[in-house]
Amino acid sequence: MEPSEITLNGLQSEVDDWIQTIGVRYFSELTNLAILMEEVGELSRLMARNYGDQSFKADESADKIPSEIGDILFVLTCLANQMGISLQDAIQSTIKKNTKRDFNRHKNNPKL
């Protein structure tokens, strides 16, 4: 059976349900920010080894990259939930802002 697609609102609800039933409670916002930075660091390490000049350690592989991205999304969702921020609204606002700001910027960039 194929997993169903999840919306951003559904993601926020699913993470909240998990926190309430399995995670007991949210960590503080500051703790979750620190965890988010840790997860970004773990992704950065794998990216540097897979796409950069470093080599993998014996217990590392690029296969873990999707898991690290998932960890980042999970913790970011926790933070959004804690602060009452809709990820849907946030990304729509960001796309609108970037579109207005960059409408011709990249088209006219000879480096691209």
N, C-alpha and C. Protein backbone atom coordinates (compact mmCIF):
# COMPACT_ATOMS: atom_id res chain seq x y z
N MET A 1 0.85 -1.19 0.00
CA MET A 1 0.00 0.00 0.00
C MET A 1 0.89 1.24 0.00
N GLU A 2 0.61 2.15 -0.89
CA GLU A 2 1.36 3.39 -1.00
C GLU A 2 1.01 4.30 0.17
N PRO A 3 2.03 4.94 0.77
CA PRO A 3 1.70 5.92 1.81
C PRO A 3 0.99 7.12 1.20
N SER A 4 0.07 7.69 1.95
CA SER A 4 -0.67 8.83 1.43
C SER A 4 0.20 10.08 1.51
N GLU A 5 -0.07 11.02 0.62
CA GLU A 5 0.66 12.28 0.64
C GLU A 5 0.20 13.08 1.85
N ILE A 6 1.10 13.83 2.38
CA ILE A 6 0.79 14.62 3.57
C ILE A 6 0.91 16.10 3.23
N THR A 7 -0.02 16.88 3.70
CA THR A 7 0.04 18.33 3.52
C THR A 7 0.87 18.92 4.64
N LEU A 8 1.24 20.17 4.52
CA LEU A 8 1.97 20.82 5.61
C LEU A 8 1.11 20.90 6.86
N ASN A 9 -0.18 21.20 6.71
CA ASN A 9 -1.07 21.24 7.87
C ASN A 9 -1.18 19.85 8.48
N GLY A 10 -1.25 18.82 7.63
CA GLY A 10 -1.30 17.45 8.11
C GLY A 10 -0.02 17.07 8.83
N LEU A 11 1.11 17.52 8.32
CA LEU A 11 2.40 17.27 8.96
C LEU A 11 2.41 17.86 10.36
N GLN A 12 1.97 19.09 10.47
CA GLN A 12 1.96 19.73 11.78
C GLN A 12 1.06 18.98 12.76
N SER A 13 -0.06 18.52 12.27
CA SER A 13 -0.98 17.77 13.12
C SER A 13 -0.39 16.41 13.51
N GLU A 14 0.23 15.74 12.56
CA GLU A 14 0.82 14.42 12.83
C GLU A 14 1.97 14.52 13.82
N VAL A 15 2.81 15.53 13.66
CA VAL A 15 3.92 15.73 14.61
C VAL A 15 3.37 16.06 15.99
N ASP A 16 2.35 16.91 16.06
CA ASP A 16 1.76 17.25 17.35
C ASP A 16 1.17 16.02 18.02
N ASP A 17 0.47 15.18 17.23
CA ASP A 17 -0.08 13.94 17.78
C ASP A 17 1.04 13.05 18.32
N TRP A 18 2.15 12.95 17.58
CA TRP A 18 3.27 12.12 18.02
C TRP A 18 3.85 12.66 19.33
N ILE A 19 4.02 13.97 19.39
CA ILE A 19 4.57 14.58 20.60
C ILE A 19 3.66 14.29 21.79
N GLN A 20 2.36 14.44 21.60
CA GLN A 20 1.41 14.27 22.71
C GLN A 20 1.29 12.82 23.16
N THR A 21 1.49 11.86 22.26
CA THR A 21 1.29 10.45 22.61
C THR A 21 2.58 9.69 22.87
N ILE A 22 3.65 10.02 22.19
CA ILE A 22 4.90 9.28 22.32
C ILE A 22 5.99 10.14 22.94
N GLY A 23 6.07 11.38 22.53
CA GLY A 23 7.13 12.28 23.00
C GLY A 23 6.86 12.90 24.36
N VAL A 24 5.70 12.71 24.91
CA VAL A 24 5.25 13.22 26.21
C VAL A 24 4.95 14.71 26.14
N ARG A 25 5.93 15.53 25.74
CA ARG A 25 5.70 16.97 25.61
C ARG A 25 6.79 17.52 24.70
N TYR A 26 6.59 18.75 24.25
CA TYR A 26 7.60 19.43 23.46
C TYR A 26 8.78 19.81 24.36
N PHE A 27 9.99 19.70 23.83
CA PHE A 27 11.13 20.32 24.49
C PHE A 27 10.94 21.82 24.39
N SER A 28 11.67 22.59 25.16
CA SER A 28 11.56 24.05 25.06
C SER A 28 11.98 24.50 23.66
N GLU A 29 11.52 25.68 23.30
CA GLU A 29 11.87 26.23 21.99
C GLU A 29 13.38 26.36 21.82
N LEU A 30 14.07 26.77 22.86
CA LEU A 30 15.52 26.93 22.78
C LEU A 30 16.20 25.57 22.61
N THR A 31 15.72 24.57 23.32
CA THR A 31 16.27 23.22 23.16
C THR A 31 16.02 22.72 21.74
N ASN A 32 14.82 22.93 21.23
CA ASN A 32 14.53 22.49 19.87
C ASN A 32 15.35 23.25 18.83
N LEU A 33 15.65 24.51 19.09
CA LEU A 33 16.53 25.25 18.18
C LEU A 33 17.92 24.62 18.18
N ALA A 34 18.41 24.27 19.35
CA ALA A 34 19.73 23.62 19.44
C ALA A 34 19.71 22.26 18.73
N ILE A 35 18.63 21.51 18.90
CA ILE A 35 18.51 20.21 18.21
C ILE A 35 18.46 20.42 16.71
N LEU A 36 17.74 21.45 16.26
CA LEU A 36 17.67 21.75 14.82
C LEU A 36 19.06 22.04 14.27
N MET A 37 19.83 22.83 14.98
CA MET A 37 21.19 23.14 14.53
C MET A 37 22.05 21.88 14.48
N GLU A 38 21.86 21.00 15.46
CA GLU A 38 22.59 19.73 15.47
C GLU A 38 22.24 18.89 14.25
N GLU A 39 20.95 18.82 13.93
CA GLU A 39 20.51 18.03 12.77
C GLU A 39 21.03 18.63 11.47
N VAL A 40 21.03 19.95 11.36
CA VAL A 40 21.58 20.61 10.17
C VAL A 40 23.07 20.29 10.05
N GLY A 41 23.76 20.27 11.18
CA GLY A 41 25.18 19.91 11.18
C GLY A 41 25.40 18.48 10.69
N GLU A 42 24.54 17.57 11.10
CA GLU A 42 24.67 16.18 10.66
C GLU A 42 24.45 16.08 9.14
N LEU A 43 23.47 16.81 8.61
CA LEU A 43 23.27 16.84 7.17
C LEU A 43 24.48 17.46 6.47
N SER A 44 24.99 18.54 7.05
CA SER A 44 26.15 19.22 6.46
C SER A 44 27.35 18.29 6.37
N ARG A 45 27.57 17.51 7.42
CA ARG A 45 28.69 16.57 7.42
C ARG A 45 28.55 15.56 6.28
N LEU A 46 27.36 15.01 6.11
CA LEU A 46 27.15 14.03 5.04
C LEU A 46 27.26 14.68 3.65
N MET A 47 26.76 15.90 3.52
CA MET A 47 26.85 16.60 2.24
C MET A 47 28.30 16.89 1.88
N ALA A 48 29.09 17.28 2.88
CA ALA A 48 30.51 17.57 2.64
C ALA A 48 31.24 16.32 2.18
N ARG A 49 30.85 15.19 2.71
CA ARG A 49 31.50 13.94 2.33
C ARG A 49 31.00 13.43 0.97
N ASN A 50 29.73 13.61 0.70
CA ASN A 50 29.16 13.09 -0.55
C ASN A 50 29.44 14.01 -1.74
N TYR A 51 29.35 15.32 -1.53
CA TYR A 51 29.48 16.27 -2.64
C TYR A 51 30.75 17.11 -2.57
N GLY A 52 31.40 17.09 -1.42
CA GLY A 52 32.60 17.89 -1.24
C GLY A 52 33.86 17.04 -1.33
N ASP A 53 34.88 17.51 -0.67
CA ASP A 53 36.20 16.91 -0.79
C ASP A 53 36.51 15.90 0.31
N GLN A 54 35.69 15.82 1.33
CA GLN A 54 35.97 14.87 2.41
C GLN A 54 35.51 13.47 2.03
N SER A 55 36.10 12.48 2.67
CA SER A 55 35.68 11.09 2.45
C SER A 55 34.82 10.65 3.64
N PHE A 56 34.01 9.63 3.39
CA PHE A 56 33.15 9.10 4.44
C PHE A 56 33.96 8.33 5.46
N LYS A 57 33.53 8.40 6.71
CA LYS A 57 34.07 7.53 7.75
C LYS A 57 33.43 6.16 7.56
N ALA A 58 33.95 5.16 8.23
CA ALA A 58 33.48 3.78 8.04
C ALA A 58 31.99 3.62 8.33
N ASP A 59 31.47 4.36 9.30
CA ASP A 59 30.06 4.19 9.69
C ASP A 59 29.12 5.20 9.03
N GLU A 60 29.57 5.92 8.02
CA GLU A 60 28.76 6.94 7.36
C GLU A 60 28.48 6.53 5.92
N SER A 61 27.36 7.04 5.40
CA SER A 61 27.07 6.88 3.98
C SER A 61 26.06 7.92 3.55
N ALA A 62 26.02 8.17 2.25
CA ALA A 62 25.05 9.13 1.70
C ALA A 62 23.63 8.63 1.86
N ASP A 63 23.46 7.34 2.13
CA ASP A 63 22.12 6.78 2.31
C ASP A 63 21.38 7.43 3.49
N LYS A 64 22.12 8.04 4.39
CA LYS A 64 21.52 8.66 5.58
C LYS A 64 21.03 10.09 5.32
N ILE A 65 21.31 10.65 4.16
CA ILE A 65 20.90 12.03 3.86
C ILE A 65 19.39 12.22 3.96
N PRO A 66 18.56 11.35 3.37
CA PRO A 66 17.10 11.55 3.51
C PRO A 66 16.64 11.52 4.96
N SER A 67 17.24 10.68 5.77
CA SER A 67 16.88 10.60 7.18
C SER A 67 17.22 11.90 7.90
N GLU A 68 18.37 12.47 7.58
CA GLU A 68 18.76 13.74 8.21
C GLU A 68 17.82 14.87 7.79
N ILE A 69 17.42 14.88 6.53
CA ILE A 69 16.45 15.89 6.08
C ILE A 69 15.13 15.71 6.81
N GLY A 70 14.72 14.46 7.00
CA GLY A 70 13.51 14.19 7.77
C GLY A 70 13.61 14.66 9.20
N ASP A 71 14.78 14.45 9.81
CA ASP A 71 14.99 14.92 11.18
C ASP A 71 14.86 16.44 11.26
N ILE A 72 15.44 17.13 10.29
CA ILE A 72 15.36 18.60 10.25
C ILE A 72 13.91 19.05 10.13
N LEU A 73 13.17 18.42 9.23
CA LEU A 73 11.77 18.80 9.02
C LEU A 73 10.94 18.53 10.27
N PHE A 74 11.22 17.42 10.95
CA PHE A 74 10.49 17.09 12.18
C PHE A 74 10.71 18.17 13.24
N VAL A 75 11.95 18.51 13.50
CA VAL A 75 12.25 19.50 14.55
C VAL A 75 11.74 20.88 14.15
N LEU A 76 11.88 21.25 12.88
CA LEU A 76 11.35 22.53 12.41
C LEU A 76 9.83 22.58 12.60
N THR A 77 9.17 21.47 12.35
CA THR A 77 7.72 21.39 12.56
C THR A 77 7.38 21.53 14.03
N CYS A 78 8.18 20.93 14.90
CA CYS A 78 7.96 21.11 16.34
C CYS A 78 8.04 22.59 16.71
N LEU A 79 9.05 23.26 16.22
CA LEU A 79 9.20 24.70 16.52
C LEU A 79 8.01 25.50 16.01
N ALA A 80 7.58 25.22 14.79
CA ALA A 80 6.42 25.94 14.24
C ALA A 80 5.19 25.69 15.11
N ASN A 81 4.98 24.43 15.50
CA ASN A 81 3.83 24.11 16.35
C ASN A 81 3.89 24.87 17.67
N GLN A 82 5.06 24.89 18.28
CA GLN A 82 5.22 25.54 19.58
C GLN A 82 4.94 27.04 19.50
N MET A 83 5.28 27.64 18.38
CA MET A 83 5.13 29.09 18.24
C MET A 83 3.84 29.48 17.54
N GLY A 84 3.00 28.50 17.23
CA GLY A 84 1.72 28.79 16.59
C GLY A 84 1.87 29.29 15.16
N ILE A 85 2.91 28.82 14.47
CA ILE A 85 3.17 29.25 13.10
C ILE A 85 2.69 28.18 12.14
N SER A 86 1.91 28.56 11.17
CA SER A 86 1.46 27.65 10.12
C SER A 86 2.58 27.52 9.09
N LEU A 87 3.08 26.32 8.89
CA LEU A 87 4.10 26.11 7.85
C LEU A 87 3.55 26.44 6.48
N GLN A 88 2.28 26.15 6.26
CA GLN A 88 1.63 26.45 4.98
C GLN A 88 1.66 27.95 4.72
N ASP A 89 1.23 28.73 5.71
CA ASP A 89 1.24 30.18 5.55
C ASP A 89 2.66 30.72 5.40
N ALA A 90 3.59 30.16 6.17
CA ALA A 90 4.97 30.64 6.12
C ALA A 90 5.59 30.41 4.75
N ILE A 91 5.40 29.22 4.17
CA ILE A 91 6.03 28.95 2.88
C ILE A 91 5.34 29.73 1.77
N GLN A 92 4.03 29.89 1.84
CA GLN A 92 3.34 30.69 0.83
C GLN A 92 3.80 32.14 0.88
N SER A 93 3.98 32.67 2.08
CA SER A 93 4.47 34.04 2.23
C SER A 93 5.90 34.18 1.69
N THR A 94 6.73 33.19 1.96
CA THR A 94 8.11 33.23 1.48
C THR A 94 8.18 33.14 -0.03
N ILE A 95 7.38 32.28 -0.63
CA ILE A 95 7.36 32.17 -2.10
C ILE A 95 6.90 33.49 -2.72
N LYS A 96 5.87 34.10 -2.14
CA LYS A 96 5.39 35.39 -2.63
C LYS A 96 6.47 36.46 -2.52
N LYS A 97 7.13 36.53 -1.36
CA LYS A 97 8.21 37.50 -1.14
C LYS A 97 9.35 37.29 -2.13
N ASN A 98 9.79 36.03 -2.28
CA ASN A 98 10.90 35.74 -3.19
C ASN A 98 10.55 36.01 -4.64
N THR A 99 9.32 35.73 -5.01
CA THR A 99 8.87 35.98 -6.38
C THR A 99 8.90 37.47 -6.68
N LYS A 100 8.39 38.27 -5.75
CA LYS A 100 8.39 39.72 -5.95
C LYS A 100 9.82 40.25 -6.02
N ARG A 101 10.65 39.81 -5.13
CA ARG A 101 12.02 40.31 -5.04
C ARG A 101 12.89 39.83 -6.21
N ASP A 102 12.71 38.60 -6.62
CA ASP A 102 13.63 37.97 -7.58
C ASP A 102 13.03 37.71 -8.95
N PHE A 103 11.92 38.37 -9.27
CA PHE A 103 11.20 38.05 -10.51
C PHE A 103 12.11 38.05 -11.74
N ASN A 104 12.96 39.05 -11.87
CA ASN A 104 13.89 39.10 -13.01
C ASN A 104 15.35 38.91 -12.62
N ARG A 105 15.61 38.88 -11.34
CA ARG A 105 16.99 38.83 -10.84
C ARG A 105 17.77 37.64 -11.41
N HIS A 106 17.22 36.47 -11.33
CA HIS A 106 17.96 35.27 -11.76
C HIS A 106 17.97 35.13 -13.28
N LYS A 107 16.90 35.58 -13.92
CA LYS A 107 16.85 35.53 -15.39
C LYS A 107 17.95 36.38 -16.01
N ASN A 108 18.30 37.47 -15.34
CA ASN A 108 19.29 38.41 -15.85
C ASN A 108 20.68 38.16 -15.28
N ASN A 109 20.89 37.06 -14.62
CA ASN A 109 22.18 36.75 -14.01
C ASN A 109 23.01 35.94 -15.00
N PRO A 110 24.07 36.50 -15.56
CA PRO A 110 24.88 35.79 -16.56
C PRO A 110 25.62 34.58 -15.95
N LYS A 111 25.71 34.52 -14.64
CA LYS A 111 26.38 33.39 -13.98
C LYS A 111 25.52 32.13 -14.01
N LEU A 112 24.24 32.30 -14.25
CA LEU A 112 23.34 31.14 -14.21
C LEU A 112 23.13 30.61 -15.59
